[in-house]
C-alpha atoms as a PDB file:
ATOM      1  CA  MET A   1     -84.404 -10.527  80.765  1.00  0.00           C
ATOM      2  CA  GLU A   2     -82.825 -13.975  80.342  1.00  0.00           C
ATOM      3  CA  ASP A   3     -85.590 -15.641  82.379  1.00  0.00           C
ATOM      4  CA  LEU A   4     -88.218 -14.171  80.087  1.00  0.00           C
ATOM      5  CA  PHE A   5     -88.129 -17.057  77.600  1.00  0.00           C
ATOM      6  CA  LEU A   6     -87.208 -20.016  79.818  1.00  0.00           C
ATOM      7  CA  HIS A   7     -90.553 -21.825  79.700  1.00  0.00           C
ATOM      8  CA  VAL A   8     -91.597 -21.361  76.097  1.00  0.00           C
ATOM      9  CA  ASN A   9     -93.494 -24.089  74.306  1.00  0.00           C
ATOM     10  CA  LYS A  10     -95.267 -22.173  71.555  1.00  0.00           C
ATOM     11  CA  PRO A  11     -95.558 -18.634  70.141  1.00  0.00           C
ATOM     12  CA  SER A  12     -98.561 -17.785  72.307  1.00  0.00           C
ATOM     13  CA  ASP A  13     -96.410 -18.550  75.376  1.00  0.00           C
ATOM     14  CA  ILE A  14     -93.885 -15.969  74.201  1.00  0.00           C
ATOM     15  CA  ARG A  15     -96.608 -13.376  73.615  1.00  0.00           C
ATOM     16  CA  THR A  16     -98.036 -14.044  77.073  1.00  0.00           C
ATOM     17  CA  GLN A  17     -94.649 -13.693  78.756  1.00  0.00           C
ATOM     18  CA  ILE A  18     -93.848 -10.512  76.830  1.00  0.00           C
ATOM     19  CA  GLY A  19     -97.247  -9.120  77.816  1.00  0.00           C
ATOM     20  CA  GLU A  20     -96.580  -9.916  81.463  1.00  0.00           C
ATOM     21  CA  PHE A  21     -93.172  -8.250  81.175  1.00  0.00           C
ATOM     22  CA  VAL A  22     -94.687  -5.086  79.669  1.00  0.00           C
ATOM     23  CA  LYS A  23     -97.336  -4.996  82.399  1.00  0.00           C
ATOM     24  CA  LEU A  24     -94.670  -5.448  85.077  1.00  0.00           C
ATOM     25  CA  MET A  25     -92.588  -2.585  83.662  1.00  0.00           C
ATOM     26  CA  ARG A  26     -95.619  -0.317  83.430  1.00  0.00           C
ATOM     27  CA  SER A  27     -96.911  -1.183  86.890  1.00  0.00           C
ATOM     28  CA  SER A  28     -93.503  -0.785  88.513  1.00  0.00           C
ATOM     29  CA  LYS A  29     -93.391   2.787  87.206  1.00  0.00           C
ATOM     30  CA  GLY A  30     -96.928   3.491  88.417  1.00  0.00           C
ATOM     31  CA  ILE A  31     -98.152   4.277  84.906  1.00  0.00           C
ATOM     32  CA  SER A  32    -101.689   3.466  83.768  1.00  0.00           C
ATOM     33  CA  GLN A  33    -102.398   1.846  80.416  1.00  0.00           C
ATOM     34  CA  HIS A  34    -104.048   5.092  79.345  1.00  0.00           C
ATOM     35  CA  ASP A  35    -101.021   7.208  80.290  1.00  0.00           C
ATOM     36  CA  LEU A  36     -98.565   4.860  78.583  1.00  0.00           C
ATOM     37  CA  ALA A  37    -100.706   4.827  75.458  1.00  0.00           C
ATOM     38  CA  SER A  38    -100.852   8.632  75.452  1.00  0.00           C
ATOM     39  CA  GLU A  39     -97.086   8.936  75.912  1.00  0.00           C
ATOM     40  CA  LEU A  40     -96.451   6.634  72.948  1.00  0.00           C
ATOM     41  CA  ASN A  41     -99.290   7.892  70.744  1.00  0.00           C
ATOM     42  CA  LEU A  42    -101.011   4.500  70.899  1.00  0.00           C
ATOM     43  CA  SER A  43    -104.485   3.455  71.959  1.00  0.00           C
ATOM     44  CA  ARG A  44    -105.156   2.060  75.425  1.00  0.00           C
ATOM     45  CA  LEU A  45    -106.608  -0.990  73.681  1.00  0.00           C
ATOM     46  CA  THR A  46    -103.220  -1.609  72.017  1.00  0.00           C
ATOM     47  CA  ILE A  47    -101.497  -1.623  75.415  1.00  0.00           C
ATOM     48  CA  GLN A  48    -104.225  -3.857  76.832  1.00  0.00           C
ATOM     49  CA  LYS A  49    -103.831  -6.360  73.969  1.00  0.00           C
ATOM     50  CA  ILE A  50    -100.056  -6.499  74.377  1.00  0.00           C
ATOM     51  CA  GLU A  51    -100.338  -7.046  78.122  1.00  0.00           C
ATOM     52  CA  SER A  52    -102.875  -9.830  77.632  1.00  0.00           C
ATOM     53  CA  GLY A  53    -100.640 -11.624  75.124  1.00  0.00           C
ATOM     54  CA  LYS A  54    -102.650 -10.890  72.007  1.00  0.00           C
ATOM     55  CA  ASN A  55    -100.966 -10.422  68.640  1.00  0.00           C
ATOM     56  CA  PHE A  56     -98.918  -7.254  68.461  1.00  0.00           C
ATOM     57  CA  ASN A  57     -96.619  -5.428  66.110  1.00  0.00           C
ATOM     58  CA  ILE A  58     -92.862  -5.731  66.741  1.00  0.00           C
ATOM     59  CA  ASP A  59     -92.419  -2.004  66.084  1.00  0.00           C
ATOM     60  CA  THR A  60     -94.914  -1.219  68.842  1.00  0.00           C
ATOM     61  CA  LEU A  61     -93.135  -3.573  71.216  1.00  0.00           C
ATOM     62  CA  LEU A  62     -89.767  -1.975  70.446  1.00  0.00           C
ATOM     63  CA  LEU A  63     -91.289   1.455  71.063  1.00  0.00           C
ATOM     64  CA  ILE A  64     -92.475   0.311  74.495  1.00  0.00           C
ATOM     65  CA  PHE A  65     -89.095  -1.254  75.295  1.00  0.00           C
ATOM     66  CA  GLN A  66     -87.398   1.977  74.272  1.00  0.00           C
ATOM     67  CA  TYR A  67     -89.744   3.993  76.491  1.00  0.00           C
ATOM     68  CA  PHE A  68     -88.848   1.823  79.499  1.00  0.00           C
ATOM     69  CA  ASP A  69     -85.157   1.885  78.569  1.00  0.00           C
ATOM     70  CA  VAL A  70     -84.844  -1.885  78.171  1.00  0.00           C
ATOM     71  CA  LEU A  71     -84.062  -1.897  74.466  1.00  0.00           C
ATOM     72  CA  ASN A  72     -80.328  -2.227  75.204  1.00  0.00           C
ATOM     73  CA  SER A  73     -81.006  -5.213  77.465  1.00  0.00           C
ATOM     74  CA  LEU A  74     -82.962  -6.867  74.670  1.00  0.00           C
ATOM     75  CA  SER A  75     -80.188  -6.128  72.180  1.00  0.00           C
ATOM     76  CA  ASN A  76     -77.598  -7.622  74.546  1.00  0.00           C
ATOM     77  CA  PHE A  77     -79.771 -10.697  75.087  1.00  0.00           C
ATOM     78  CA  ILE A  78     -80.098 -11.222  71.320  1.00  0.00           C
ATOM     79  CA  SER A  79     -76.337 -10.813  70.845  1.00  0.00           C
ATOM     80  CA  GLU A  80     -75.668 -13.407  73.554  1.00  0.00           C
ATOM     81  CA  GLN A  81     -78.042 -15.827  71.842  1.00  0.00           C
ATOM     82  CA  GLU A  82     -76.266 -15.307  68.513  1.00  0.00           C
ATOM     83  CA  VAL A  83     -72.947 -16.213  70.129  1.00  0.00           C
ATOM     84  CA  GLU A  84     -74.463 -19.352  71.665  1.00  0.00           C
ATOM     85  CA  PHE A  85     -75.964 -20.412  68.323  1.00  0.00           C
ATOM     86  CA  LYS A  86     -72.643 -19.853  66.560  1.00  0.00           C
ATOM     87  CA  GLU A  87     -70.870 -21.949  69.194  1.00  0.00           C
ATOM     88  CA  ILE A  88     -73.416 -24.743  68.786  1.00  0.00           C
ATOM     89  CA  LYS A  89     -73.115 -24.551  64.999  1.00  0.00           C
ATOM     90  CA  SER A  90     -69.324 -24.900  65.215  1.00  0.00           C
ATOM     91  CA  PHE A  91     -69.764 -28.341  66.794  1.00  0.00           C
ATOM     92  CA  TYR A  92     -71.396 -29.673  63.614  1.00  0.00           C
END
């Protein structure tokens, strides 16, 4: 999860990397876009847009992360970043 945002220059880079991550999770489980969409009550087009790095809703992304049981990893990553920012802030 930590490597996910290493080479980020702009918001579209983040969307692209998140889309690749979602596709990797889905593919590694052998689930089609259609099946994932059905499981989450979404359209296949929504899954396709996310995987191709198009604009997406954070609630939809969190739903997908929850489905693949990576929501805790994301929460831990965010908490680690908060600690790092607080440590940096204490230097100033």
